[in-house]
């Protein structure tokens, strides 16, 4: 009789052990999850944000004054517009351009400094004498000018390249530095100046150009 019921008892014991093992496994998983040791439930990965979803980057603050490309921060630029030479005389036209967006006032003569090819100052005499034979101006009185944006004004440089002294002439110039008006930024321009033994550079005052624009 005992042998007949032993398989049933063995089967019942095995079933109890199986349930115990499963229960322990579930309990162990819960404990590990609470301690952070278990793997967290996986969730679908989020795609990276699209550039369209990102907040716009702050735009740079506008400058205090809008200027044309290549325009100095001061809003005033100087260029060389024409050169003429005859019988030892040299005439160069400087054109002042308001390349900014605000009116600019200038009056009188531009400041001019002559430099050699090493950008060292050359000792020449700067005068404001006006000889209309060379400058084309019979009246060179300084006038107050108001240049609207894109308006221009001109001044004329004149020198004599004749060497009439055995002492020679000052070193030739390679650059001029033009200051449009007191307090404005100087502008350096390449310009060969074969000044003679007179060593004098004549500069007229600014005069409004008949046609606005550069």
N, C-alpha and C. Protein backbone atom coordinates (compact mmCIF):
# COMPACT_ATOMS: atom_id res chain seq x y z
N UNK A 1 0.83 -1.20 0.00
CA UNK A 1 0.00 0.00 0.00
C UNK A 1 0.86 1.23 0.00
N UNK A 2 1.92 1.28 0.77
CA UNK A 2 2.79 2.48 0.84
C UNK A 2 3.45 2.72 -0.48
N UNK A 3 3.95 1.64 -1.14
CA UNK A 3 4.60 1.79 -2.44
C UNK A 3 3.63 2.28 -3.49
N UNK A 4 2.36 1.94 -3.35
CA UNK A 4 1.38 2.33 -4.37
C UNK A 4 1.13 3.83 -4.32
N UNK A 5 1.14 4.46 -3.16
CA UNK A 5 0.84 5.91 -3.05
C UNK A 5 2.08 6.76 -3.06
N UNK A 6 3.29 6.17 -3.14
CA UNK A 6 4.52 6.99 -3.10
C UNK A 6 4.71 7.86 -4.34
N UNK A 7 4.45 7.38 -5.54
CA UNK A 7 4.60 8.30 -6.72
C UNK A 7 3.72 9.53 -6.61
N UNK A 8 2.52 9.37 -6.12
CA UNK A 8 1.64 10.54 -6.00
C UNK A 8 2.21 11.53 -5.02
N UNK A 9 2.78 11.01 -3.94
CA UNK A 9 3.36 11.91 -2.93
C UNK A 9 4.56 12.64 -3.50
N UNK A 10 5.36 11.89 -4.27
CA UNK A 10 6.53 12.53 -4.88
C UNK A 10 6.12 13.63 -5.84
N UNK A 11 5.11 13.38 -6.62
CA UNK A 11 4.63 14.40 -7.58
C UNK A 11 4.12 15.62 -6.84
N UNK A 12 3.41 15.43 -5.78
CA UNK A 12 2.88 16.56 -5.00
C UNK A 12 4.02 17.37 -4.43
N UNK A 13 5.08 16.69 -3.92
CA UNK A 13 6.22 17.42 -3.36
C UNK A 13 6.95 18.23 -4.41
N UNK A 14 7.08 17.64 -5.60
CA UNK A 14 7.77 18.37 -6.68
C UNK A 14 6.99 19.59 -7.08
N UNK A 15 5.70 19.52 -7.12
CA UNK A 15 4.86 20.67 -7.51
C UNK A 15 5.01 21.80 -6.50
N UNK A 16 5.07 21.41 -5.18
CA UNK A 16 5.25 22.43 -4.15
C UNK A 16 6.59 23.11 -4.30
N UNK A 17 7.63 22.33 -4.57
CA UNK A 17 8.97 22.93 -4.76
C UNK A 17 8.99 23.87 -5.96
N UNK A 18 8.30 23.51 -7.04
CA UNK A 18 8.25 24.36 -8.23
C UNK A 18 7.58 25.68 -7.92
N UNK A 19 6.46 25.61 -7.20
CA UNK A 19 5.76 26.85 -6.83
C UNK A 19 6.64 27.71 -5.93
N UNK A 20 7.37 27.06 -5.03
CA UNK A 20 8.24 27.81 -4.12
C UNK A 20 9.33 28.52 -4.90
N UNK A 21 9.90 27.81 -5.88
CA UNK A 21 10.98 28.41 -6.68
C UNK A 21 10.48 29.60 -7.46
N UNK A 22 9.29 29.44 -8.06
CA UNK A 22 8.73 30.56 -8.84
C UNK A 22 8.46 31.73 -7.93
N UNK A 23 7.90 31.48 -6.76
CA UNK A 23 7.62 32.56 -5.82
C UNK A 23 8.88 33.27 -5.40
N UNK A 24 9.93 32.50 -5.12
CA UNK A 24 11.20 33.12 -4.72
C UNK A 24 11.77 33.96 -5.84
N UNK A 25 11.61 33.44 -7.06
CA UNK A 25 12.14 34.21 -8.20
C UNK A 25 11.42 35.54 -8.34
N UNK A 26 10.06 35.52 -8.19
CA UNK A 26 9.31 36.77 -8.28
C UNK A 26 9.69 37.70 -7.15
N UNK A 27 9.84 37.14 -5.93
CA UNK A 27 10.20 37.98 -4.79
C UNK A 27 11.58 38.61 -4.98
N UNK A 28 12.52 37.80 -5.51
CA UNK A 28 13.87 38.32 -5.74
C UNK A 28 13.85 39.44 -6.77
N UNK A 29 13.03 39.31 -7.83
CA UNK A 29 12.94 40.35 -8.86
C UNK A 29 12.40 41.64 -8.28
N UNK A 30 11.39 41.53 -7.40
CA UNK A 30 10.81 42.72 -6.79
C UNK A 30 11.84 43.43 -5.91
N UNK A 31 12.61 42.62 -5.15
CA UNK A 31 13.62 43.22 -4.26
C UNK A 31 14.68 43.94 -5.08
N UNK A 32 15.17 43.30 -6.15
CA UNK A 32 16.20 43.92 -6.98
C UNK A 32 15.69 45.17 -7.66
N UNK A 33 14.40 45.15 -8.07
CA UNK A 33 13.83 46.34 -8.71
C UNK A 33 13.78 47.49 -7.73
N UNK A 34 13.41 47.18 -6.43
CA UNK A 34 13.36 48.24 -5.43
C UNK A 34 14.74 48.79 -5.14
N UNK A 35 15.77 47.93 -5.18
CA UNK A 35 17.13 48.40 -4.92
C UNK A 35 17.78 49.05 -6.12
N UNK A 36 17.14 49.02 -7.26
CA UNK A 36 17.72 49.58 -8.46
C UNK A 36 18.63 48.65 -9.18
N UNK A 37 18.75 47.43 -8.72
CA UNK A 37 19.66 46.50 -9.36
C UNK A 37 19.05 45.85 -10.58
N UNK A 38 17.73 45.81 -10.66
CA UNK A 38 17.10 45.18 -11.79
C UNK A 38 17.02 46.11 -12.96
N UNK A 39 16.82 45.55 -14.12
CA UNK A 39 16.70 46.37 -15.33
C UNK A 39 15.37 47.08 -15.32
N UNK A 40 15.40 48.39 -15.61
CA UNK A 40 14.17 49.17 -15.67
C UNK A 40 13.40 48.80 -16.91
N UNK A 41 12.09 48.86 -16.81
CA UNK A 41 11.30 48.54 -18.00
C UNK A 41 11.72 49.43 -19.16
N UNK A 42 11.91 48.81 -20.30
CA UNK A 42 12.35 49.56 -21.47
C UNK A 42 11.18 50.33 -22.06
N UNK A 43 11.52 51.57 -22.53
CA UNK A 43 10.52 52.42 -23.20
C UNK A 43 11.05 52.79 -24.56
N UNK A 44 10.20 53.03 -25.49
CA UNK A 44 10.65 53.39 -26.84
C UNK A 44 11.52 54.63 -26.77
N UNK A 45 12.68 54.64 -27.47
CA UNK A 45 13.57 55.79 -27.47
C UNK A 45 12.93 56.98 -28.17
N UNK A 46 13.23 58.20 -27.61
CA UNK A 46 12.71 59.43 -28.22
C UNK A 46 13.69 59.92 -29.29
N UNK A 47 13.22 60.27 -30.47
CA UNK A 47 14.12 60.77 -31.53
C UNK A 47 14.69 62.12 -31.14
N UNK A 48 15.89 62.47 -31.62
CA UNK A 48 16.48 63.79 -31.30
C UNK A 48 15.60 64.90 -31.83
N UNK A 49 15.57 66.04 -31.14
CA UNK A 49 14.70 67.14 -31.58
C UNK A 49 15.10 67.64 -32.95
N UNK A 50 14.12 67.95 -33.74
CA UNK A 50 14.36 68.52 -35.06
C UNK A 50 14.81 69.96 -34.92
N UNK A 51 15.67 70.47 -35.84
CA UNK A 51 16.08 71.88 -35.77
C UNK A 51 14.89 72.82 -35.76
N UNK A 52 13.78 72.37 -36.34
CA UNK A 52 12.60 73.24 -36.37
C UNK A 52 11.96 73.33 -34.99
N UNK A 53 12.22 72.29 -34.12
CA UNK A 53 11.62 72.29 -32.80
C UNK A 53 12.45 73.06 -31.78
N UNK A 54 13.73 73.36 -32.13
CA UNK A 54 14.59 74.05 -31.20
C UNK A 54 14.22 75.52 -31.11
N UNK A 55 14.40 76.16 -29.95
CA UNK A 55 14.09 77.58 -29.85
C UNK A 55 15.05 78.39 -30.70
N UNK A 56 14.60 79.43 -31.35
CA UNK A 56 15.47 80.23 -32.22
C UNK A 56 16.59 80.86 -31.42
N UNK A 57 17.80 80.86 -32.02
CA UNK A 57 18.95 81.49 -31.35
C UNK A 57 18.79 83.00 -31.41
N UNK A 58 19.25 83.69 -30.37
CA UNK A 58 19.09 85.15 -30.36
C UNK A 58 19.88 85.79 -31.48
N UNK A 59 19.25 86.70 -32.21
CA UNK A 59 19.93 87.39 -33.30
C UNK A 59 20.85 88.44 -32.74
N UNK A 60 22.01 88.68 -33.44
CA UNK A 60 22.94 89.69 -32.93
C UNK A 60 22.30 91.06 -32.92
N UNK A 61 22.66 91.82 -31.91
CA UNK A 61 22.09 93.17 -31.82
C UNK A 61 22.61 94.02 -32.95
N UNK A 62 21.77 94.87 -33.54
CA UNK A 62 22.21 95.70 -34.65
C UNK A 62 23.27 96.68 -34.18
N UNK A 63 24.18 97.03 -35.09
CA UNK A 63 25.22 97.99 -34.75
C UNK A 63 24.61 99.36 -34.59
N UNK A 64 25.38 100.23 -33.96
CA UNK A 64 24.87 101.58 -33.70
C UNK A 64 24.60 102.33 -35.00
N UNK A 65 25.35 101.98 -36.04
CA UNK A 65 25.15 102.66 -37.32
C UNK A 65 25.37 101.69 -38.45
N UNK A 66 24.42 101.64 -39.37
CA UNK A 66 24.56 100.75 -40.51
C UNK A 66 25.47 101.41 -41.53
N UNK A 67 26.39 100.64 -42.08
CA UNK A 67 27.31 101.16 -43.07
C UNK A 67 27.37 100.21 -44.24
N UNK A 68 27.82 100.73 -45.37
CA UNK A 68 27.98 99.91 -46.56
C UNK A 68 29.17 98.97 -46.37
N UNK A 69 29.22 97.86 -47.13
CA UNK A 69 30.37 96.95 -47.01
C UNK A 69 31.67 97.70 -47.27
N UNK A 70 32.64 97.52 -46.40
CA UNK A 70 33.91 98.19 -46.54
C UNK A 70 33.94 99.59 -45.99
N UNK A 71 32.83 100.07 -45.47
CA UNK A 71 32.76 101.43 -44.92
C UNK A 71 33.39 101.45 -43.54
N UNK A 72 34.23 102.44 -43.24
CA UNK A 72 34.80 102.53 -41.89
C UNK A 72 33.72 102.72 -40.84
N UNK A 73 33.99 102.36 -39.60
CA UNK A 73 33.00 102.53 -38.53
C UNK A 73 32.53 103.97 -38.37
N UNK A 74 33.37 104.92 -38.74
CA UNK A 74 32.97 106.33 -38.60
C UNK A 74 31.88 106.72 -39.58
N UNK A 75 31.71 105.95 -40.66
CA UNK A 75 30.72 106.31 -41.69
C UNK A 75 31.26 107.24 -42.74
N UNK A 76 32.54 107.59 -42.68
CA UNK A 76 33.16 108.45 -43.69
C UNK A 76 34.34 107.71 -44.32
N UNK A 77 34.39 107.72 -45.64
CA UNK A 77 35.47 107.08 -46.36
C UNK A 77 36.09 108.08 -47.33
N UNK A 78 37.35 107.88 -47.65
CA UNK A 78 38.06 108.74 -48.58
C UNK A 78 38.70 107.87 -49.65
N UNK A 79 38.55 108.28 -50.90
CA UNK A 79 39.18 107.57 -52.02
C UNK A 79 39.88 108.60 -52.91
N UNK A 80 40.82 108.11 -53.70
CA UNK A 80 41.49 108.96 -54.68
C UNK A 80 40.75 108.82 -56.00
N UNK A 81 40.30 109.94 -56.54
CA UNK A 81 39.45 109.91 -57.71
C UNK A 81 40.15 110.32 -59.00
N UNK A 82 41.20 111.07 -58.92
CA UNK A 82 41.83 111.48 -60.17
C UNK A 82 43.22 112.02 -59.93
N UNK A 83 44.11 111.82 -60.90
CA UNK A 83 45.47 112.33 -60.83
C UNK A 83 45.79 113.01 -62.15
N UNK A 84 46.56 114.08 -62.06
CA UNK A 84 46.93 114.82 -63.25
C UNK A 84 48.36 115.31 -63.06
N UNK A 85 49.10 115.34 -64.16
CA UNK A 85 50.49 115.80 -64.10
C UNK A 85 50.79 116.62 -65.35
N UNK A 86 51.42 117.77 -65.14
CA UNK A 86 51.79 118.63 -66.26
C UNK A 86 52.91 119.55 -65.83
N UNK A 87 54.01 119.52 -66.58
CA UNK A 87 55.13 120.45 -66.38
C UNK A 87 55.59 120.47 -64.91
N UNK A 88 55.73 119.30 -64.33
CA UNK A 88 56.25 119.21 -62.99
C UNK A 88 55.23 119.36 -61.89
N UNK A 89 53.99 119.66 -62.24
CA UNK A 89 52.94 119.81 -61.24
C UNK A 89 52.14 118.51 -61.13
N UNK A 90 51.75 118.21 -59.91
CA UNK A 90 50.93 117.03 -59.65
C UNK A 90 49.65 117.45 -58.95
N UNK A 91 48.54 116.95 -59.44
CA UNK A 91 47.23 117.28 -58.86
C UNK A 91 46.48 115.98 -58.61
N UNK A 92 46.00 115.80 -57.40
CA UNK A 92 45.25 114.60 -57.01
C UNK A 92 43.96 115.04 -56.33
N UNK A 93 42.85 114.40 -56.69
CA UNK A 93 41.56 114.70 -56.09
C UNK A 93 41.23 113.64 -55.04
N UNK A 94 40.92 114.12 -53.84
CA UNK A 94 40.44 113.25 -52.78
C UNK A 94 38.93 113.39 -52.70
N UNK A 95 38.24 112.28 -52.67
CA UNK A 95 36.77 112.32 -52.56
C UNK A 95 36.34 111.73 -51.23
N UNK A 96 35.56 112.52 -50.53
CA UNK A 96 35.01 112.10 -49.23
C UNK A 96 33.60 111.58 -49.46
N UNK A 97 33.31 110.40 -48.92
CA UNK A 97 32.01 109.74 -49.15
C UNK A 97 31.36 109.43 -47.82
N UNK A 98 30.12 109.85 -47.66
CA UNK A 98 29.33 109.47 -46.49
C UNK A 98 28.72 108.11 -46.79
N UNK A 99 29.39 107.06 -46.31
CA UNK A 99 28.92 105.70 -46.57
C UNK A 99 28.05 105.17 -45.44
N UNK A 100 27.76 106.00 -44.44
CA UNK A 100 26.91 105.58 -43.34
C UNK A 100 25.45 105.88 -43.61
N UNK A 101 24.64 105.84 -42.54
CA UNK A 101 23.21 106.07 -42.71
C UNK A 101 22.74 107.32 -41.98
N UNK A 102 23.69 108.19 -41.59
CA UNK A 102 23.35 109.43 -40.90
C UNK A 102 24.04 110.60 -41.59
N UNK A 103 23.44 111.77 -41.57
CA UNK A 103 24.12 112.95 -42.14
C UNK A 103 25.42 113.23 -41.38
N UNK A 104 26.41 113.73 -42.12
CA UNK A 104 27.71 114.06 -41.54
C UNK A 104 28.06 115.49 -41.90
N UNK A 105 28.66 116.18 -40.92
CA UNK A 105 29.08 117.56 -41.16
C UNK A 105 30.60 117.64 -41.21
N UNK A 106 31.09 118.34 -42.21
CA UNK A 106 32.52 118.59 -42.33
C UNK A 106 32.69 120.06 -42.70
N UNK A 107 33.83 120.60 -42.30
CA UNK A 107 34.12 121.98 -42.63
C UNK A 107 35.63 122.17 -42.70
N UNK A 108 36.05 122.95 -43.68
CA UNK A 108 37.45 123.30 -43.77
C UNK A 108 38.27 122.30 -44.55
N UNK A 109 39.53 122.18 -44.17
CA UNK A 109 40.49 121.37 -44.90
C UNK A 109 40.69 120.01 -44.24
N UNK A 110 40.89 118.99 -45.04
CA UNK A 110 41.21 117.69 -44.44
C UNK A 110 42.62 117.73 -43.86
N UNK A 111 42.82 116.95 -42.80
CA UNK A 111 44.17 116.77 -42.29
C UNK A 111 44.92 115.79 -43.16
N UNK A 112 46.15 116.11 -43.53
CA UNK A 112 46.93 115.26 -44.43
C UNK A 112 48.33 115.07 -43.85
N UNK A 113 48.78 113.82 -43.85
CA UNK A 113 50.13 113.48 -43.43
C UNK A 113 50.75 112.58 -44.48
N UNK A 114 51.99 112.84 -44.82
CA UNK A 114 52.69 112.08 -45.84
C UNK A 114 53.62 111.07 -45.17
N UNK A 115 53.59 109.81 -45.65
CA UNK A 115 54.42 108.74 -45.10
C UNK A 115 55.29 108.14 -46.20
N UNK A 116 56.47 107.62 -45.82
CA UNK A 116 57.31 106.93 -46.80
C UNK A 116 56.88 105.48 -46.91
N UNK A 117 57.66 104.68 -47.67
CA UNK A 117 57.25 103.29 -47.89
C UNK A 117 57.35 102.44 -46.63
N UNK A 118 58.06 102.94 -45.61
CA UNK A 118 58.10 102.26 -44.32
C UNK A 118 57.07 102.80 -43.35
N UNK A 119 56.17 103.62 -43.86
CA UNK A 119 55.11 104.27 -43.09
C UNK A 119 55.66 105.18 -42.00
N UNK A 120 56.81 105.79 -42.28
CA UNK A 120 57.36 106.79 -41.39
C UNK A 120 56.99 108.17 -41.91
N UNK A 121 56.67 109.13 -41.03
CA UNK A 121 56.28 110.47 -41.49
C UNK A 121 57.41 111.16 -42.25
N UNK A 122 57.02 111.90 -43.27
CA UNK A 122 57.96 112.70 -44.06
C UNK A 122 57.72 114.16 -43.72
N UNK A 123 58.80 114.85 -43.44
CA UNK A 123 58.67 116.25 -43.05
C UNK A 123 58.43 117.15 -44.26
N UNK A 124 57.17 117.39 -44.58
CA UNK A 124 56.82 118.31 -45.66
C UNK A 124 55.97 119.44 -45.08
N UNK A 125 55.90 120.51 -45.81
CA UNK A 125 55.10 121.66 -45.38
C UNK A 125 53.70 121.55 -45.99
N UNK A 126 52.68 121.57 -45.14
CA UNK A 126 51.29 121.51 -45.60
C UNK A 126 50.74 122.93 -45.59
N UNK A 127 50.25 123.37 -46.73
CA UNK A 127 49.67 124.70 -46.83
C UNK A 127 48.24 124.60 -47.36
N UNK A 128 47.48 125.66 -47.14
CA UNK A 128 46.09 125.72 -47.61
C UNK A 128 45.95 126.76 -48.72
N UNK A 129 47.05 127.02 -49.37
CA UNK A 129 47.02 127.96 -50.49
C UNK A 129 46.20 127.36 -51.63
N UNK A 130 45.42 128.20 -52.28
CA UNK A 130 44.62 127.73 -53.40
C UNK A 130 45.06 128.44 -54.67
N UNK A 131 45.51 127.69 -55.62
CA UNK A 131 45.86 128.24 -56.93
C UNK A 131 44.93 127.62 -57.95
N UNK A 132 43.97 128.41 -58.42
CA UNK A 132 42.93 127.84 -59.28
C UNK A 132 43.50 127.34 -60.61
N UNK A 133 44.74 127.73 -60.93
CA UNK A 133 45.34 127.21 -62.16
C UNK A 133 45.45 125.69 -62.09
N UNK A 134 45.65 125.17 -60.86
CA UNK A 134 45.84 123.73 -60.71
C UNK A 134 44.61 123.05 -60.11
N UNK A 135 43.88 123.74 -59.27
CA UNK A 135 42.76 123.10 -58.60
C UNK A 135 41.43 123.34 -59.30
N UNK A 136 41.35 124.34 -60.16
CA UNK A 136 40.08 124.63 -60.81
C UNK A 136 39.11 125.38 -59.93
N UNK A 137 39.57 125.89 -58.78
CA UNK A 137 38.69 126.61 -57.87
C UNK A 137 39.16 128.05 -57.71
N UNK A 138 38.28 128.97 -57.94
CA UNK A 138 38.60 130.38 -57.74
C UNK A 138 38.27 130.82 -56.32
N UNK A 139 37.44 130.05 -55.64
CA UNK A 139 37.03 130.42 -54.28
C UNK A 139 37.18 129.18 -53.40
N UNK A 140 38.14 129.24 -52.50
CA UNK A 140 38.40 128.08 -51.65
C UNK A 140 38.09 128.38 -50.19
N UNK A 141 37.14 129.25 -49.95
CA UNK A 141 36.77 129.54 -48.57
C UNK A 141 36.15 128.31 -47.92
N UNK A 142 36.59 127.95 -46.71
CA UNK A 142 36.00 126.79 -46.03
C UNK A 142 34.51 127.01 -45.77
N UNK A 143 33.73 126.02 -46.06
CA UNK A 143 32.28 126.09 -45.87
C UNK A 143 31.82 124.89 -45.05
N UNK A 144 30.76 125.14 -44.29
CA UNK A 144 30.14 124.05 -43.54
C UNK A 144 29.34 123.19 -44.50
N UNK A 145 29.67 121.90 -44.56
CA UNK A 145 28.98 120.98 -45.45
C UNK A 145 28.25 119.93 -44.63
N UNK A 146 27.03 119.63 -45.04
CA UNK A 146 26.27 118.52 -44.45
C UNK A 146 26.08 117.48 -45.54
N UNK A 147 26.72 116.35 -45.37
CA UNK A 147 26.64 115.28 -46.35
C UNK A 147 25.58 114.28 -45.93
N UNK A 148 24.54 114.18 -46.73
CA UNK A 148 23.53 113.14 -46.50
C UNK A 148 24.15 111.79 -46.85
N UNK A 149 23.54 110.69 -46.41
CA UNK A 149 24.06 109.37 -46.79
C UNK A 149 24.23 109.26 -48.30
N UNK A 150 25.39 108.81 -48.71
CA UNK A 150 25.79 108.60 -50.10
C UNK A 150 26.22 109.89 -50.81
N UNK A 151 26.20 111.03 -50.12
CA UNK A 151 26.72 112.27 -50.71
C UNK A 151 28.24 112.29 -50.62
N UNK A 152 28.85 113.12 -51.48
CA UNK A 152 30.30 113.20 -51.53
C UNK A 152 30.75 114.65 -51.55
N UNK A 153 32.01 114.83 -51.18
CA UNK A 153 32.69 116.12 -51.28
C UNK A 153 34.11 115.84 -51.73
N UNK A 154 34.79 116.86 -52.24
CA UNK A 154 36.14 116.66 -52.77
C UNK A 154 37.09 117.73 -52.28
N UNK A 155 38.35 117.34 -52.15
CA UNK A 155 39.45 118.27 -51.88
C UNK A 155 40.57 117.93 -52.85
N UNK A 156 41.45 118.89 -53.08
CA UNK A 156 42.50 118.72 -54.08
C UNK A 156 43.87 118.87 -53.42
N UNK A 157 44.77 117.95 -53.78
CA UNK A 157 46.17 118.03 -53.36
C UNK A 157 47.00 118.49 -54.55
N UNK A 158 47.95 119.36 -54.30
CA UNK A 158 48.85 119.83 -55.36
C UNK A 158 50.26 119.91 -54.83
N UNK A 159 51.21 119.45 -55.61
CA UNK A 159 52.61 119.62 -55.27
C UNK A 159 53.44 119.74 -56.55
N UNK A 160 54.65 120.23 -56.38
CA UNK A 160 55.59 120.42 -57.48
C UNK A 160 56.73 119.44 -57.32
N UNK A 161 57.03 118.67 -58.34
CA UNK A 161 58.06 117.64 -58.21
C UNK A 161 59.42 118.09 -58.74
N UNK A 162 59.55 119.34 -59.08
CA UNK A 162 60.82 119.82 -59.61
C UNK A 162 61.88 119.95 -58.51
N UNK A 163 63.05 119.46 -58.79
CA UNK A 163 64.18 119.56 -57.86
C UNK A 163 65.05 120.72 -58.32
N UNK A 164 65.10 121.77 -57.53
CA UNK A 164 65.83 122.99 -57.90
C UNK A 164 66.93 123.33 -56.91
N UNK A 165 67.23 122.40 -56.01
CA UNK A 165 68.24 122.67 -54.99
C UNK A 165 69.26 121.55 -54.96
N UNK A 166 70.50 121.90 -54.71
CA UNK A 166 71.55 120.90 -54.60
C UNK A 166 71.38 120.04 -53.35
N UNK A 167 70.60 120.56 -52.43
CA UNK A 167 70.36 119.78 -51.21
C UNK A 167 69.40 118.62 -51.46
N UNK A 168 68.86 118.54 -52.66
CA UNK A 168 67.95 117.45 -52.98
C UNK A 168 66.54 117.73 -52.52
N UNK A 169 65.72 116.68 -52.46
CA UNK A 169 64.32 116.79 -52.10
C UNK A 169 64.00 115.82 -50.98
N UNK A 170 62.89 116.04 -50.29
CA UNK A 170 62.48 115.07 -49.26
C UNK A 170 62.30 113.68 -49.87
N UNK A 171 62.34 112.68 -49.04
CA UNK A 171 62.10 111.31 -49.51
C UNK A 171 60.74 111.22 -50.17
N UNK A 172 60.62 110.43 -51.23
CA UNK A 172 59.31 110.31 -51.88
C UNK A 172 58.29 109.68 -50.95
N UNK A 173 57.07 110.13 -51.07
CA UNK A 173 56.00 109.57 -50.26
C UNK A 173 55.39 108.35 -50.91
N UNK A 174 54.88 107.46 -50.09
CA UNK A 174 54.23 106.25 -50.59
C UNK A 174 52.79 106.13 -50.10
N UNK A 175 52.46 106.86 -49.03
CA UNK A 175 51.11 106.81 -48.46
C UNK A 175 50.75 108.21 -47.97
N UNK A 176 49.46 108.49 -47.96
CA UNK A 176 48.97 109.68 -47.29
C UNK A 176 47.92 109.24 -46.27
N UNK A 177 47.88 109.95 -45.17
CA UNK A 177 46.89 109.70 -44.13
C UNK A 177 45.97 110.91 -44.10
N UNK A 178 44.70 110.69 -44.38
CA UNK A 178 43.72 111.77 -44.49
C UNK A 178 42.76 111.69 -43.31
N UNK A 179 42.63 112.79 -42.59
CA UNK A 179 41.63 112.91 -41.53
C UNK A 179 40.51 113.81 -42.05
N UNK A 180 39.33 113.26 -42.31
CA UNK A 180 38.27 114.06 -42.94
C UNK A 180 37.91 115.32 -42.18
N UNK A 181 37.87 115.23 -40.85
CA UNK A 181 37.51 116.38 -40.02
C UNK A 181 38.06 116.12 -38.63
N UNK A 182 38.26 117.16 -37.82
CA UNK A 182 38.77 116.95 -36.47
C UNK A 182 37.90 115.97 -35.68
N UNK A 183 38.54 115.02 -35.04
CA UNK A 183 37.81 114.03 -34.27
C UNK A 183 37.40 112.80 -35.05
N UNK A 184 37.55 112.82 -36.38
CA UNK A 184 37.19 111.65 -37.19
C UNK A 184 38.38 110.71 -37.30
N UNK A 185 38.11 109.47 -37.68
CA UNK A 185 39.17 108.49 -37.82
C UNK A 185 40.03 108.78 -39.05
N UNK A 186 41.36 108.72 -38.94
CA UNK A 186 42.21 108.91 -40.12
C UNK A 186 42.13 107.72 -41.05
N UNK A 187 42.33 107.98 -42.32
CA UNK A 187 42.24 106.94 -43.35
C UNK A 187 43.55 106.94 -44.14
N UNK A 188 44.20 105.79 -44.22
CA UNK A 188 45.47 105.67 -44.92
C UNK A 188 45.22 105.21 -46.35
N UNK A 189 45.87 105.89 -47.31
CA UNK A 189 45.72 105.57 -48.73
C UNK A 189 47.09 105.45 -49.38
N UNK A 190 47.28 104.45 -50.24
CA UNK A 190 48.55 104.39 -50.99
C UNK A 190 48.57 105.49 -52.06
N UNK A 191 49.64 106.26 -52.08
CA UNK A 191 49.75 107.33 -53.07
C UNK A 191 51.23 107.70 -53.24
N UNK A 192 51.81 107.45 -54.42
CA UNK A 192 53.18 107.91 -54.67
C UNK A 192 53.20 109.43 -54.79
N UNK A 193 54.07 110.05 -54.01
CA UNK A 193 54.21 111.51 -54.03
C UNK A 193 55.69 111.83 -54.27
N UNK A 194 56.01 112.23 -55.50
CA UNK A 194 57.39 112.56 -55.85
C UNK A 194 57.62 114.06 -55.63
N UNK A 195 57.51 114.45 -54.39
CA UNK A 195 57.59 115.86 -54.06
C UNK A 195 59.01 116.39 -54.32
N UNK A 196 59.08 117.60 -54.85
CA UNK A 196 60.37 118.18 -55.22
C UNK A 196 61.04 118.88 -54.06
N UNK A 197 62.06 119.65 -54.41
CA UNK A 197 62.85 120.30 -53.37
C UNK A 197 62.07 121.37 -52.64
N UNK A 198 60.95 121.82 -53.21
CA UNK A 198 60.11 122.79 -52.51
C UNK A 198 59.52 122.18 -51.23
N UNK A 199 59.23 120.89 -51.28
CA UNK A 199 58.75 120.18 -50.09
C UNK A 199 57.43 120.68 -49.55
N UNK A 200 56.57 121.18 -50.45
CA UNK A 200 55.29 121.74 -50.02
C UNK A 200 54.14 120.96 -50.65
N UNK A 201 53.16 120.65 -49.82
CA UNK A 201 51.96 119.96 -50.28
C UNK A 201 50.76 120.87 -50.01
N UNK A 202 50.10 121.31 -51.08
CA UNK A 202 48.95 122.20 -50.94
C UNK A 202 47.67 121.38 -50.85
N UNK A 203 46.79 121.79 -49.95
CA UNK A 203 45.53 121.07 -49.71
C UNK A 203 44.40 122.08 -49.71
N UNK A 204 43.39 121.85 -50.54
CA UNK A 204 42.23 122.73 -50.54
C UNK A 204 41.21 122.26 -49.52
N UNK A 205 40.20 123.06 -49.28
CA UNK A 205 39.12 122.68 -48.37
C UNK A 205 38.15 121.74 -49.08
N UNK A 206 37.31 121.10 -48.28
CA UNK A 206 36.28 120.24 -48.86
C UNK A 206 35.24 121.10 -49.56
N UNK A 207 34.80 120.63 -50.70
CA UNK A 207 33.74 121.31 -51.44
C UNK A 207 32.75 120.25 -51.89
N UNK A 208 31.47 120.58 -51.83
CA UNK A 208 30.44 119.62 -52.20
C UNK A 208 30.53 119.28 -53.69
N UNK A 209 30.39 118.02 -54.03
CA UNK A 209 30.38 117.62 -55.42
C UNK A 209 29.03 117.98 -56.04
N UNK A 210 29.02 118.33 -57.32
CA UNK A 210 27.75 118.71 -57.95
C UNK A 210 26.75 117.57 -58.05
N UNK A 211 27.25 116.35 -58.08
CA UNK A 211 26.37 115.19 -58.21
C UNK A 211 26.56 114.32 -56.99
N UNK A 212 25.45 113.99 -56.29
CA UNK A 212 25.55 113.14 -55.12
C UNK A 212 25.90 111.73 -55.55
N UNK A 213 26.39 110.97 -54.60
CA UNK A 213 26.73 109.58 -54.86
C UNK A 213 28.22 109.44 -55.07
N UNK A 214 28.66 108.23 -55.00
CA UNK A 214 30.08 107.98 -55.09
C UNK A 214 30.50 107.90 -56.54
